[in-house]
Amino acid sequence: MHRQSLLSLLRDYRSHHPGEGPCVDRIVSLVEGHSDCFERTCLPGHITASSWIVDEDGKRALLTHHRKLELWLQLGGHADGDTDICRVALREAREESGMAHFEVLADGFPIDIDVHDIPARPGEPAHQHHDFRFLLRARPGQPLVISEESKDLRWFARDELAPLLGDESIGRMVRKADVLLGKAASAQR
């Protein structure tokens, strides 16, 4: 997916979520203005992808305790030049969880997008992540392996998530996932 494909995806996203126009506009501005938007060296921000990973019945979500940010978050990371953002989300899910098998839900369309600030650290200025978020279902029975980027990795029941999800953008993503999973459950009945 090159920049034009990403811009087309953003137009489609806007038509599905018209209330999120300001966020879409910020990402469009980055993509149109920076040919290197898929590289982490692109400043003031760059494209990232992440996944809200649920278990087989959708009742638990997998979160990582991010080593640098000291927060429980969905798994994800930098595009590092890969222009296929769904593939980036899957790569990061595999690298950060140790699991290999996932079903991509919502027909591979991002369930949420967000632009969020990343604080400066030694050797890295403050910048923004322009994040595309996907919904994945993990195949059961796969062992978890904590990556170098994490302090911990574990499944959380839905009722355990509220205290961990103080950020509105994460709450919005979770609500969208719940709606999609609810629709899927209804269709299976």
N, C-alpha and C. Protein backbone atom coordinates (compact mmCIF):
# COMPACT_ATOMS: atom_id res chain seq x y z
N MET A 1 0.86 -1.18 0.00
CA MET A 1 0.00 0.00 0.00
C MET A 1 0.90 1.24 0.00
N HIS A 2 0.95 1.97 -1.09
CA HIS A 2 1.73 3.19 -1.13
C HIS A 2 0.89 4.34 -0.58
N ARG A 3 1.41 5.56 -0.68
CA ARG A 3 0.69 6.68 -0.07
C ARG A 3 -0.71 6.89 -0.65
N GLN A 4 -0.87 6.72 -1.96
CA GLN A 4 -2.20 6.92 -2.56
C GLN A 4 -3.21 5.90 -2.02
N SER A 5 -2.75 4.67 -1.83
CA SER A 5 -3.65 3.65 -1.26
C SER A 5 -4.03 4.00 0.16
N LEU A 6 -3.08 4.51 0.92
CA LEU A 6 -3.37 4.90 2.30
C LEU A 6 -4.35 6.09 2.32
N LEU A 7 -4.16 7.03 1.40
CA LEU A 7 -5.08 8.17 1.32
C LEU A 7 -6.49 7.70 0.94
N SER A 8 -6.58 6.72 0.06
CA SER A 8 -7.88 6.16 -0.30
C SER A 8 -8.52 5.47 0.91
N LEU A 9 -7.72 4.74 1.67
CA LEU A 9 -8.23 4.09 2.88
C LEU A 9 -8.75 5.14 3.86
N LEU A 10 -8.03 6.25 3.99
CA LEU A 10 -8.46 7.31 4.89
C LEU A 10 -9.78 7.94 4.43
N ARG A 11 -9.97 8.07 3.13
CA ARG A 11 -11.26 8.57 2.62
C ARG A 11 -12.39 7.60 2.99
N ASP A 12 -12.12 6.30 2.82
CA ASP A 12 -13.13 5.30 3.19
C ASP A 12 -13.40 5.34 4.70
N TYR A 13 -12.34 5.49 5.48
CA TYR A 13 -12.50 5.55 6.93
C TYR A 13 -13.38 6.74 7.31
N ARG A 14 -13.12 7.88 6.69
CA ARG A 14 -13.91 9.09 6.98
C ARG A 14 -15.39 8.86 6.67
N SER A 15 -15.68 8.13 5.59
CA SER A 15 -17.09 7.89 5.25
C SER A 15 -17.76 6.98 6.28
N HIS A 16 -16.99 6.08 6.92
CA HIS A 16 -17.54 5.21 7.96
C HIS A 16 -17.61 5.92 9.33
N HIS A 17 -16.72 6.87 9.54
CA HIS A 17 -16.63 7.56 10.84
C HIS A 17 -16.55 9.07 10.62
N PRO A 18 -17.61 9.70 10.13
CA PRO A 18 -17.55 11.12 9.79
C PRO A 18 -17.22 12.03 10.98
N GLY A 19 -17.52 11.60 12.18
CA GLY A 19 -17.21 12.41 13.36
C GLY A 19 -15.73 12.46 13.70
N GLU A 20 -14.93 11.68 13.02
CA GLU A 20 -13.49 11.65 13.30
C GLU A 20 -12.68 12.42 12.24
N GLY A 21 -13.35 13.34 11.56
CA GLY A 21 -12.70 14.11 10.50
C GLY A 21 -11.41 14.81 10.91
N PRO A 22 -11.36 15.48 12.08
CA PRO A 22 -10.12 16.16 12.45
C PRO A 22 -8.91 15.21 12.55
N CYS A 23 -9.13 14.02 13.08
CA CYS A 23 -8.03 13.05 13.19
C CYS A 23 -7.63 12.58 11.79
N VAL A 24 -8.61 12.28 10.95
CA VAL A 24 -8.33 11.87 9.58
C VAL A 24 -7.53 12.96 8.88
N ASP A 25 -7.93 14.22 9.05
CA ASP A 25 -7.24 15.34 8.41
C ASP A 25 -5.78 15.42 8.84
N ARG A 26 -5.51 15.17 10.11
CA ARG A 26 -4.12 15.22 10.60
C ARG A 26 -3.27 14.14 9.93
N ILE A 27 -3.84 12.95 9.76
CA ILE A 27 -3.07 11.87 9.13
C ILE A 27 -2.91 12.14 7.64
N VAL A 28 -3.97 12.62 6.99
CA VAL A 28 -3.88 12.97 5.57
C VAL A 28 -2.77 14.01 5.36
N SER A 29 -2.71 15.00 6.22
CA SER A 29 -1.68 16.04 6.12
C SER A 29 -0.28 15.44 6.20
N LEU A 30 -0.09 14.51 7.13
CA LEU A 30 1.22 13.84 7.26
C LEU A 30 1.54 13.06 6.00
N VAL A 31 0.60 12.25 5.54
CA VAL A 31 0.84 11.37 4.39
C VAL A 31 1.09 12.19 3.13
N GLU A 32 0.30 13.24 2.91
CA GLU A 32 0.49 14.06 1.71
C GLU A 32 1.78 14.87 1.77
N GLY A 33 2.19 15.26 2.96
CA GLY A 33 3.34 16.15 3.10
C GLY A 33 4.68 15.46 3.28
N HIS A 34 4.68 14.15 3.51
CA HIS A 34 5.93 13.45 3.82
C HIS A 34 6.00 12.12 3.07
N SER A 35 6.81 12.06 2.05
CA SER A 35 6.94 10.81 1.28
C SER A 35 7.54 9.70 2.14
N ASP A 36 8.21 10.08 3.22
CA ASP A 36 8.84 9.10 4.13
C ASP A 36 7.98 8.82 5.36
N CYS A 37 6.65 9.02 5.25
CA CYS A 37 5.77 8.89 6.42
C CYS A 37 5.75 7.49 7.02
N PHE A 38 6.22 6.48 6.28
CA PHE A 38 6.25 5.11 6.79
C PHE A 38 7.55 4.79 7.54
N GLU A 39 8.44 5.77 7.65
CA GLU A 39 9.73 5.58 8.32
C GLU A 39 9.71 6.26 9.68
N ARG A 40 10.30 5.62 10.67
CA ARG A 40 10.29 6.20 12.02
C ARG A 40 11.13 7.47 12.11
N THR A 41 11.98 7.72 11.11
CA THR A 41 12.78 8.94 11.08
C THR A 41 11.97 10.15 10.62
N CYS A 42 10.76 9.92 10.10
CA CYS A 42 9.91 11.02 9.64
C CYS A 42 9.40 11.79 10.85
N LEU A 43 9.72 13.07 10.87
CA LEU A 43 9.25 13.93 11.96
C LEU A 43 8.47 15.08 11.35
N PRO A 44 7.44 15.49 12.01
CA PRO A 44 7.14 15.35 13.43
C PRO A 44 6.40 14.08 13.82
N GLY A 45 6.15 13.18 12.86
CA GLY A 45 5.46 11.94 13.21
C GLY A 45 5.53 10.96 12.07
N HIS A 46 5.02 9.76 12.31
CA HIS A 46 5.08 8.71 11.30
C HIS A 46 3.95 7.70 11.52
N ILE A 47 3.78 6.84 10.51
CA ILE A 47 2.70 5.84 10.51
C ILE A 47 3.09 4.66 11.40
N THR A 48 2.13 4.25 12.23
CA THR A 48 2.27 3.05 13.05
C THR A 48 0.99 2.22 12.88
N ALA A 49 1.04 0.99 13.34
CA ALA A 49 -0.14 0.13 13.30
C ALA A 49 -0.17 -0.71 14.57
N SER A 50 -1.37 -0.94 15.06
CA SER A 50 -1.52 -1.73 16.28
C SER A 50 -2.76 -2.61 16.17
N SER A 51 -2.92 -3.49 17.15
CA SER A 51 -4.02 -4.44 17.12
C SER A 51 -4.68 -4.58 18.48
N TRP A 52 -6.01 -4.58 18.45
CA TRP A 52 -6.77 -4.98 19.63
C TRP A 52 -6.99 -6.46 19.45
N ILE A 53 -6.30 -7.26 20.26
CA ILE A 53 -6.31 -8.72 20.11
C ILE A 53 -7.25 -9.32 21.14
N VAL A 54 -8.20 -10.11 20.64
CA VAL A 54 -9.14 -10.78 21.54
C VAL A 54 -8.94 -12.29 21.44
N ASP A 55 -9.42 -12.98 22.48
CA ASP A 55 -9.35 -14.44 22.46
C ASP A 55 -10.47 -15.00 21.60
N GLU A 56 -10.58 -16.31 21.56
CA GLU A 56 -11.51 -16.98 20.65
C GLU A 56 -12.96 -16.52 20.81
N ASP A 57 -13.40 -16.32 22.05
CA ASP A 57 -14.80 -15.90 22.24
C ASP A 57 -14.96 -14.40 22.41
N GLY A 58 -13.86 -13.65 22.29
CA GLY A 58 -13.92 -12.20 22.36
C GLY A 58 -14.14 -11.64 23.75
N LYS A 59 -13.98 -12.48 24.77
CA LYS A 59 -14.23 -12.03 26.15
C LYS A 59 -12.98 -11.50 26.85
N ARG A 60 -11.82 -11.78 26.29
CA ARG A 60 -10.57 -11.28 26.89
C ARG A 60 -9.75 -10.59 25.81
N ALA A 61 -8.95 -9.60 26.25
CA ALA A 61 -8.07 -8.87 25.35
C ALA A 61 -6.63 -9.00 25.84
N LEU A 62 -5.71 -9.05 24.90
CA LEU A 62 -4.29 -9.18 25.21
C LEU A 62 -3.66 -7.79 25.24
N LEU A 63 -3.02 -7.47 26.35
CA LEU A 63 -2.31 -6.19 26.48
C LEU A 63 -0.86 -6.43 26.87
N THR A 64 -0.04 -5.46 26.50
CA THR A 64 1.36 -5.49 26.88
C THR A 64 1.64 -4.32 27.82
N HIS A 65 2.49 -4.56 28.81
CA HIS A 65 2.93 -3.47 29.67
C HIS A 65 4.20 -2.93 29.02
N HIS A 66 4.04 -1.81 28.31
CA HIS A 66 5.11 -1.24 27.49
C HIS A 66 6.28 -0.79 28.37
N ARG A 67 7.46 -1.28 28.05
CA ARG A 67 8.66 -1.01 28.86
C ARG A 67 8.98 0.48 28.92
N LYS A 68 8.98 1.17 27.78
CA LYS A 68 9.40 2.58 27.74
C LYS A 68 8.30 3.52 28.22
N LEU A 69 7.06 3.24 27.86
CA LEU A 69 5.96 4.15 28.20
C LEU A 69 5.34 3.86 29.56
N GLU A 70 5.64 2.67 30.14
CA GLU A 70 5.11 2.31 31.46
C GLU A 70 3.58 2.32 31.49
N LEU A 71 2.96 1.81 30.42
CA LEU A 71 1.50 1.75 30.32
C LEU A 71 1.09 0.39 29.78
N TRP A 72 -0.13 -0.05 30.14
CA TRP A 72 -0.72 -1.22 29.50
C TRP A 72 -1.35 -0.73 28.21
N LEU A 73 -0.97 -1.34 27.08
CA LEU A 73 -1.42 -0.91 25.77
C LEU A 73 -1.71 -2.10 24.87
N GLN A 74 -2.39 -1.82 23.76
CA GLN A 74 -2.53 -2.81 22.70
C GLN A 74 -1.16 -3.00 22.04
N LEU A 75 -0.96 -4.12 21.38
CA LEU A 75 0.32 -4.42 20.74
C LEU A 75 0.41 -3.70 19.40
N GLY A 76 1.58 -3.16 19.10
CA GLY A 76 1.75 -2.45 17.84
C GLY A 76 3.12 -1.83 17.73
N GLY A 77 3.34 -1.17 16.60
CA GLY A 77 4.64 -0.54 16.41
C GLY A 77 4.77 0.16 15.07
N HIS A 78 6.01 0.48 14.75
CA HIS A 78 6.36 1.27 13.58
C HIS A 78 6.20 0.49 12.28
N ALA A 79 5.86 1.21 11.22
CA ALA A 79 5.77 0.61 9.89
C ALA A 79 7.15 0.23 9.36
N ASP A 80 8.17 0.99 9.72
CA ASP A 80 9.54 0.73 9.27
C ASP A 80 9.62 0.51 7.77
N GLY A 81 8.95 1.37 7.02
CA GLY A 81 9.01 1.33 5.56
C GLY A 81 7.97 0.46 4.90
N ASP A 82 7.28 -0.39 5.65
CA ASP A 82 6.26 -1.26 5.08
C ASP A 82 5.00 -0.42 4.88
N THR A 83 4.51 -0.37 3.65
CA THR A 83 3.34 0.45 3.34
C THR A 83 2.02 -0.30 3.49
N ASP A 84 2.06 -1.58 3.84
CA ASP A 84 0.86 -2.37 4.08
C ASP A 84 0.59 -2.37 5.58
N ILE A 85 -0.28 -1.47 6.01
CA ILE A 85 -0.44 -1.26 7.45
C ILE A 85 -1.09 -2.43 8.17
N CYS A 86 -1.93 -3.19 7.49
CA CYS A 86 -2.50 -4.39 8.13
C CYS A 86 -1.39 -5.41 8.36
N ARG A 87 -0.49 -5.54 7.40
CA ARG A 87 0.64 -6.46 7.57
C ARG A 87 1.53 -5.99 8.72
N VAL A 88 1.70 -4.68 8.87
CA VAL A 88 2.49 -4.14 9.99
C VAL A 88 1.84 -4.54 11.31
N ALA A 89 0.52 -4.38 11.41
CA ALA A 89 -0.18 -4.74 12.65
C ALA A 89 0.00 -6.21 12.97
N LEU A 90 -0.11 -7.06 11.96
CA LEU A 90 0.09 -8.51 12.18
C LEU A 90 1.53 -8.82 12.58
N ARG A 91 2.49 -8.19 11.93
CA ARG A 91 3.91 -8.41 12.27
C ARG A 91 4.16 -8.05 13.72
N GLU A 92 3.66 -6.89 14.11
CA GLU A 92 3.87 -6.43 15.49
C GLU A 92 3.16 -7.35 16.49
N ALA A 93 1.96 -7.80 16.16
CA ALA A 93 1.23 -8.71 17.04
C ALA A 93 2.04 -9.99 17.25
N ARG A 94 2.61 -10.51 16.19
CA ARG A 94 3.41 -11.74 16.29
C ARG A 94 4.68 -11.50 17.09
N GLU A 95 5.40 -10.41 16.77
CA GLU A 95 6.66 -10.12 17.46
C GLU A 95 6.46 -9.88 18.95
N GLU A 96 5.39 -9.16 19.30
CA GLU A 96 5.21 -8.75 20.68
C GLU A 96 4.45 -9.75 21.54
N SER A 97 3.81 -10.74 20.91
CA SER A 97 3.05 -11.72 21.68
C SER A 97 3.68 -13.11 21.68
N GLY A 98 4.49 -13.40 20.66
CA GLY A 98 5.03 -14.74 20.49
C GLY A 98 4.06 -15.68 19.79
N MET A 99 2.82 -15.23 19.58
CA MET A 99 1.83 -16.05 18.88
C MET A 99 1.99 -15.86 17.37
N ALA A 100 1.60 -16.87 16.62
CA ALA A 100 1.76 -16.81 15.16
C ALA A 100 0.44 -16.73 14.40
N HIS A 101 -0.66 -17.17 15.03
CA HIS A 101 -1.90 -17.35 14.27
C HIS A 101 -3.01 -16.42 14.76
N PHE A 102 -3.46 -15.58 13.83
CA PHE A 102 -4.53 -14.61 14.11
C PHE A 102 -5.51 -14.58 12.96
N GLU A 103 -6.75 -14.28 13.28
CA GLU A 103 -7.76 -13.99 12.27
C GLU A 103 -7.94 -12.48 12.27
N VAL A 104 -7.82 -11.86 11.11
CA VAL A 104 -8.03 -10.42 10.99
C VAL A 104 -9.53 -10.20 10.81
N LEU A 105 -10.13 -9.45 11.72
CA LEU A 105 -11.57 -9.19 11.68
C LEU A 105 -11.85 -7.86 10.98
N ALA A 106 -13.11 -7.56 10.78
CA ALA A 106 -13.57 -6.33 10.12
C ALA A 106 -13.03 -6.24 8.69
N ASP A 107 -12.86 -7.40 8.05
CA ASP A 107 -12.38 -7.46 6.67
C ASP A 107 -11.05 -6.74 6.47
N GLY A 108 -10.23 -6.69 7.51
CA GLY A 108 -8.92 -6.07 7.39
C GLY A 108 -8.95 -4.56 7.34
N PHE A 109 -10.09 -3.97 7.64
CA PHE A 109 -10.24 -2.51 7.67
C PHE A 109 -9.93 -2.03 9.09
N PRO A 110 -9.21 -0.92 9.24
CA PRO A 110 -8.92 -0.44 10.61
C PRO A 110 -10.21 -0.14 11.36
N ILE A 111 -10.26 -0.56 12.61
CA ILE A 111 -11.45 -0.26 13.41
C ILE A 111 -11.34 1.11 14.05
N ASP A 112 -10.12 1.66 14.07
CA ASP A 112 -9.91 2.97 14.69
C ASP A 112 -8.61 3.54 14.16
N ILE A 113 -8.51 4.86 14.21
CA ILE A 113 -7.24 5.54 13.94
C ILE A 113 -7.04 6.56 15.05
N ASP A 114 -5.79 6.93 15.27
CA ASP A 114 -5.49 7.88 16.33
C ASP A 114 -4.15 8.53 16.06
N VAL A 115 -4.02 9.78 16.49
CA VAL A 115 -2.73 10.46 16.50
C VAL A 115 -2.44 10.76 17.95
N HIS A 116 -1.31 10.26 18.45
CA HIS A 116 -0.97 10.50 19.85
C HIS A 116 0.50 10.88 19.99
N ASP A 117 0.78 11.63 21.03
CA ASP A 117 2.12 12.14 21.30
C ASP A 117 2.98 11.08 21.97
N ILE A 118 4.24 11.02 21.54
CA ILE A 118 5.24 10.17 22.17
C ILE A 118 6.28 11.11 22.79
N PRO A 119 6.53 11.00 24.08
CA PRO A 119 7.45 11.93 24.73
C PRO A 119 8.90 11.73 24.27
N ALA A 120 9.67 12.79 24.39
CA ALA A 120 11.10 12.72 24.05
C ALA A 120 11.81 11.77 25.01
N ARG A 121 12.80 11.08 24.47
CA ARG A 121 13.67 10.21 25.26
C ARG A 121 15.09 10.48 24.79
N PRO A 122 16.09 10.05 25.52
CA PRO A 122 17.47 10.27 25.06
C PRO A 122 17.67 9.74 23.64
N GLY A 123 18.14 10.61 22.77
CA GLY A 123 18.40 10.23 21.39
C GLY A 123 17.18 10.23 20.49
N GLU A 124 16.01 10.61 21.04
CA GLU A 124 14.78 10.61 20.24
C GLU A 124 13.91 11.79 20.65
N PRO A 125 13.62 12.69 19.70
CA PRO A 125 12.78 13.84 20.05
C PRO A 125 11.32 13.43 20.24
N ALA A 126 10.57 14.28 20.89
CA ALA A 126 9.12 14.07 20.97
C ALA A 126 8.57 14.03 19.56
N HIS A 127 7.58 13.19 19.34
CA HIS A 127 6.98 13.06 18.02
C HIS A 127 5.58 12.47 18.16
N GLN A 128 4.93 12.24 17.02
CA GLN A 128 3.58 11.68 17.06
C GLN A 128 3.53 10.36 16.30
N HIS A 129 2.68 9.47 16.80
CA HIS A 129 2.36 8.23 16.11
C HIS A 129 0.98 8.41 15.47
N HIS A 130 0.91 8.17 14.18
CA HIS A 130 -0.34 8.21 13.42
C HIS A 130 -0.74 6.75 13.25
N ASP A 131 -1.57 6.28 14.19
CA ASP A 131 -1.79 4.85 14.39
C ASP A 131 -3.07 4.34 13.74
N PHE A 132 -2.93 3.23 13.01
CA PHE A 132 -4.05 2.51 12.41
C PHE A 132 -4.25 1.25 13.24
N ARG A 133 -5.47 1.06 13.75
CA ARG A 133 -5.75 -0.01 14.71
C ARG A 133 -6.67 -1.05 14.10
N PHE A 134 -6.26 -2.31 14.24
CA PHE A 134 -6.98 -3.44 13.65
C PHE A 134 -7.49 -4.35 14.75
N LEU A 135 -8.51 -5.13 14.43
CA LEU A 135 -9.09 -6.09 15.36
C LEU A 135 -8.66 -7.48 14.94
N LEU A 136 -7.97 -8.19 15.85
CA LEU A 136 -7.49 -9.54 15.59
C LEU A 136 -8.06 -10.50 16.62
N ARG A 137 -8.33 -11.72 16.16
CA ARG A 137 -8.72 -12.80 17.06
C ARG A 137 -7.58 -13.82 17.06
N ALA A 138 -7.07 -14.12 18.24
CA ALA A 138 -5.97 -15.09 18.37
C ALA A 138 -6.51 -16.51 18.35
N ARG A 139 -5.82 -17.37 17.64
CA ARG A 139 -6.17 -18.80 17.67
C ARG A 139 -5.88 -19.31 19.08
N PRO A 140 -6.74 -20.13 19.65
CA PRO A 140 -6.53 -20.62 21.03
C PRO A 140 -5.33 -21.56 21.12
N GLY A 141 -4.82 -21.67 22.35
CA GLY A 141 -3.76 -22.63 22.66
C GLY A 141 -2.35 -22.19 22.32
N GLN A 142 -2.16 -20.94 21.95
CA GLN A 142 -0.82 -20.46 21.62
C GLN A 142 -0.16 -19.87 22.88
N PRO A 143 1.08 -20.26 23.14
CA PRO A 143 1.76 -19.69 24.30
C PRO A 143 2.18 -18.24 24.04
N LEU A 144 2.20 -17.45 25.11
CA LEU A 144 2.66 -16.07 25.02
C LEU A 144 4.15 -16.00 25.32
N VAL A 145 4.84 -15.10 24.62
CA VAL A 145 6.26 -14.86 24.85
C VAL A 145 6.44 -13.35 24.98
N ILE A 146 6.95 -12.90 26.11
CA ILE A 146 7.15 -11.47 26.35
C ILE A 146 8.36 -11.00 25.55
N SER A 147 8.17 -9.93 24.77
CA SER A 147 9.25 -9.37 23.96
C SER A 147 10.10 -8.41 24.78
N GLU A 148 11.21 -7.98 24.19
CA GLU A 148 12.10 -7.01 24.84
C GLU A 148 11.41 -5.68 25.10
N GLU A 149 10.38 -5.37 24.31
CA GLU A 149 9.70 -4.09 24.44
C GLU A 149 8.71 -4.05 25.59
N SER A 150 8.48 -5.21 26.21
CA SER A 150 7.44 -5.31 27.24
C SER A 150 8.01 -5.71 28.59
N LYS A 151 7.31 -5.27 29.62
CA LYS A 151 7.58 -5.74 30.97
C LYS A 151 6.69 -6.93 31.31
N ASP A 152 5.52 -6.96 30.69
CA ASP A 152 4.56 -8.03 30.95
C ASP A 152 3.61 -8.12 29.77
N LEU A 153 2.92 -9.22 29.70
CA LEU A 153 1.99 -9.50 28.61
C LEU A 153 0.95 -10.44 29.19
N ARG A 154 -0.33 -10.03 29.10
CA ARG A 154 -1.34 -10.94 29.64
C ARG A 154 -2.72 -10.63 29.12
N TRP A 155 -3.57 -11.64 29.26
CA TRP A 155 -4.97 -11.54 28.88
C TRP A 155 -5.75 -10.88 30.01
N PHE A 156 -6.64 -9.97 29.65
CA PHE A 156 -7.51 -9.30 30.62
C PHE A 156 -8.96 -9.56 30.25
N ALA A 157 -9.75 -9.94 31.25
CA ALA A 157 -11.20 -10.05 31.05
C ALA A 157 -11.75 -8.64 30.84
N ARG A 158 -12.88 -8.54 30.16
CA ARG A 158 -13.46 -7.23 29.83
C ARG A 158 -13.65 -6.36 31.06
N ASP A 159 -14.10 -6.94 32.17
CA ASP A 159 -14.35 -6.14 33.38
C ASP A 159 -13.06 -5.69 34.07
N GLU A 160 -11.91 -6.24 33.70
CA GLU A 160 -10.62 -5.82 34.26
C GLU A 160 -10.00 -4.66 33.49
N LEU A 161 -10.55 -4.33 32.34
CA LEU A 161 -9.92 -3.35 31.46
C LEU A 161 -10.12 -1.90 31.89
N ALA A 162 -11.25 -1.57 32.46
CA ALA A 162 -11.60 -0.18 32.74
C ALA A 162 -10.48 0.60 33.45
N PRO A 163 -9.87 0.08 34.53
CA PRO A 163 -8.84 0.88 35.20
C PRO A 163 -7.58 1.06 34.36
N LEU A 164 -7.39 0.21 33.38
CA LEU A 164 -6.18 0.28 32.55
C LEU A 164 -6.33 1.19 31.36
N LEU A 165 -7.55 1.53 31.02
CA LEU A 165 -7.82 2.24 29.78
C LEU A 165 -8.26 3.67 30.02
N GLY A 166 -7.42 4.44 30.66
CA GLY A 166 -7.75 5.82 30.97
C GLY A 166 -7.75 6.73 29.75
N ASP A 167 -7.03 6.38 28.72
CA ASP A 167 -6.91 7.19 27.52
C ASP A 167 -8.19 7.08 26.68
N GLU A 168 -8.77 8.20 26.31
CA GLU A 168 -10.02 8.19 25.55
C GLU A 168 -9.87 7.47 24.22
N SER A 169 -8.73 7.60 23.56
CA SER A 169 -8.58 6.96 22.25
C SER A 169 -8.60 5.44 22.38
N ILE A 170 -8.06 4.93 23.46
CA ILE A 170 -8.08 3.47 23.67
C ILE A 170 -9.51 3.04 24.02
N GLY A 171 -10.17 3.82 24.85
CA GLY A 171 -11.56 3.51 25.16
C GLY A 171 -12.44 3.50 23.91
N ARG A 172 -12.21 4.45 23.02
CA ARG A 172 -12.96 4.51 21.76
C ARG A 172 -12.72 3.25 20.93
N MET A 173 -11.45 2.83 20.84
CA MET A 173 -11.11 1.62 20.09
C MET A 173 -11.80 0.40 20.69
N VAL A 174 -11.79 0.30 22.01
CA VAL A 174 -12.42 -0.84 22.69
C VAL A 174 -13.92 -0.86 22.43
N ARG A 175 -14.55 0.31 22.50
CA ARG A 175 -16.00 0.38 22.24
C ARG A 175 -16.31 -0.07 20.81
N LYS A 176 -15.49 0.35 19.85
CA LYS A 176 -15.70 -0.07 18.46
C LYS A 176 -15.52 -1.58 18.32
N ALA A 177 -14.51 -2.12 18.97
CA ALA A 177 -14.29 -3.57 18.92
C ALA A 177 -15.47 -4.30 19.52
N ASP A 178 -15.99 -3.81 20.64
CA ASP A 178 -17.14 -4.44 21.29
C ASP A 178 -18.34 -4.47 20.35
N VAL A 179 -18.58 -3.38 19.64
CA VAL A 179 -19.69 -3.33 18.69
C VAL A 179 -19.48 -4.37 17.59
N LEU A 180 -18.29 -4.41 17.02
CA LEU A 180 -18.02 -5.37 15.94
C LEU A 180 -18.13 -6.81 16.44
N LEU A 181 -17.62 -7.07 17.62
CA LEU A 181 -17.71 -8.43 18.16
C LEU A 181 -19.15 -8.79 18.50
N GLY A 182 -19.92 -7.82 18.94
CA GLY A 182 -21.33 -8.05 19.23
C GLY A 182 -22.12 -8.38 17.98
N LYS A 183 -21.80 -7.68 16.89
CA LYS A 183 -22.45 -7.96 15.61
C LYS A 183 -22.09 -9.34 15.13
N ALA A 184 -20.81 -9.70 15.29
CA ALA A 184 -20.37 -11.02 14.83
C ALA A 184 -21.06 -12.11 15.64
N ALA A 185 -21.19 -11.89 16.96
CA ALA A 185 -21.83 -12.89 17.82
C ALA A 185 -23.31 -13.03 17.44
N SER A 186 -23.96 -11.91 17.15
CA SER A 186 -25.37 -11.95 16.76
C SER A 186 -25.57 -12.71 15.45
N ALA A 187 -24.65 -12.52 14.52
CA ALA A 187 -24.76 -13.17 13.20
C ALA A 187 -24.57 -14.67 13.32
N GLN A 188 -23.85 -15.14 14.34
CA GLN A 188 -23.58 -16.57 14.50
C GLN A 188 -24.74 -17.30 15.18
N ARG A 189 -25.66 -16.57 15.78
CA ARG A 189 -26.78 -17.20 16.50
C ARG A 189 -27.82 -17.75 15.57
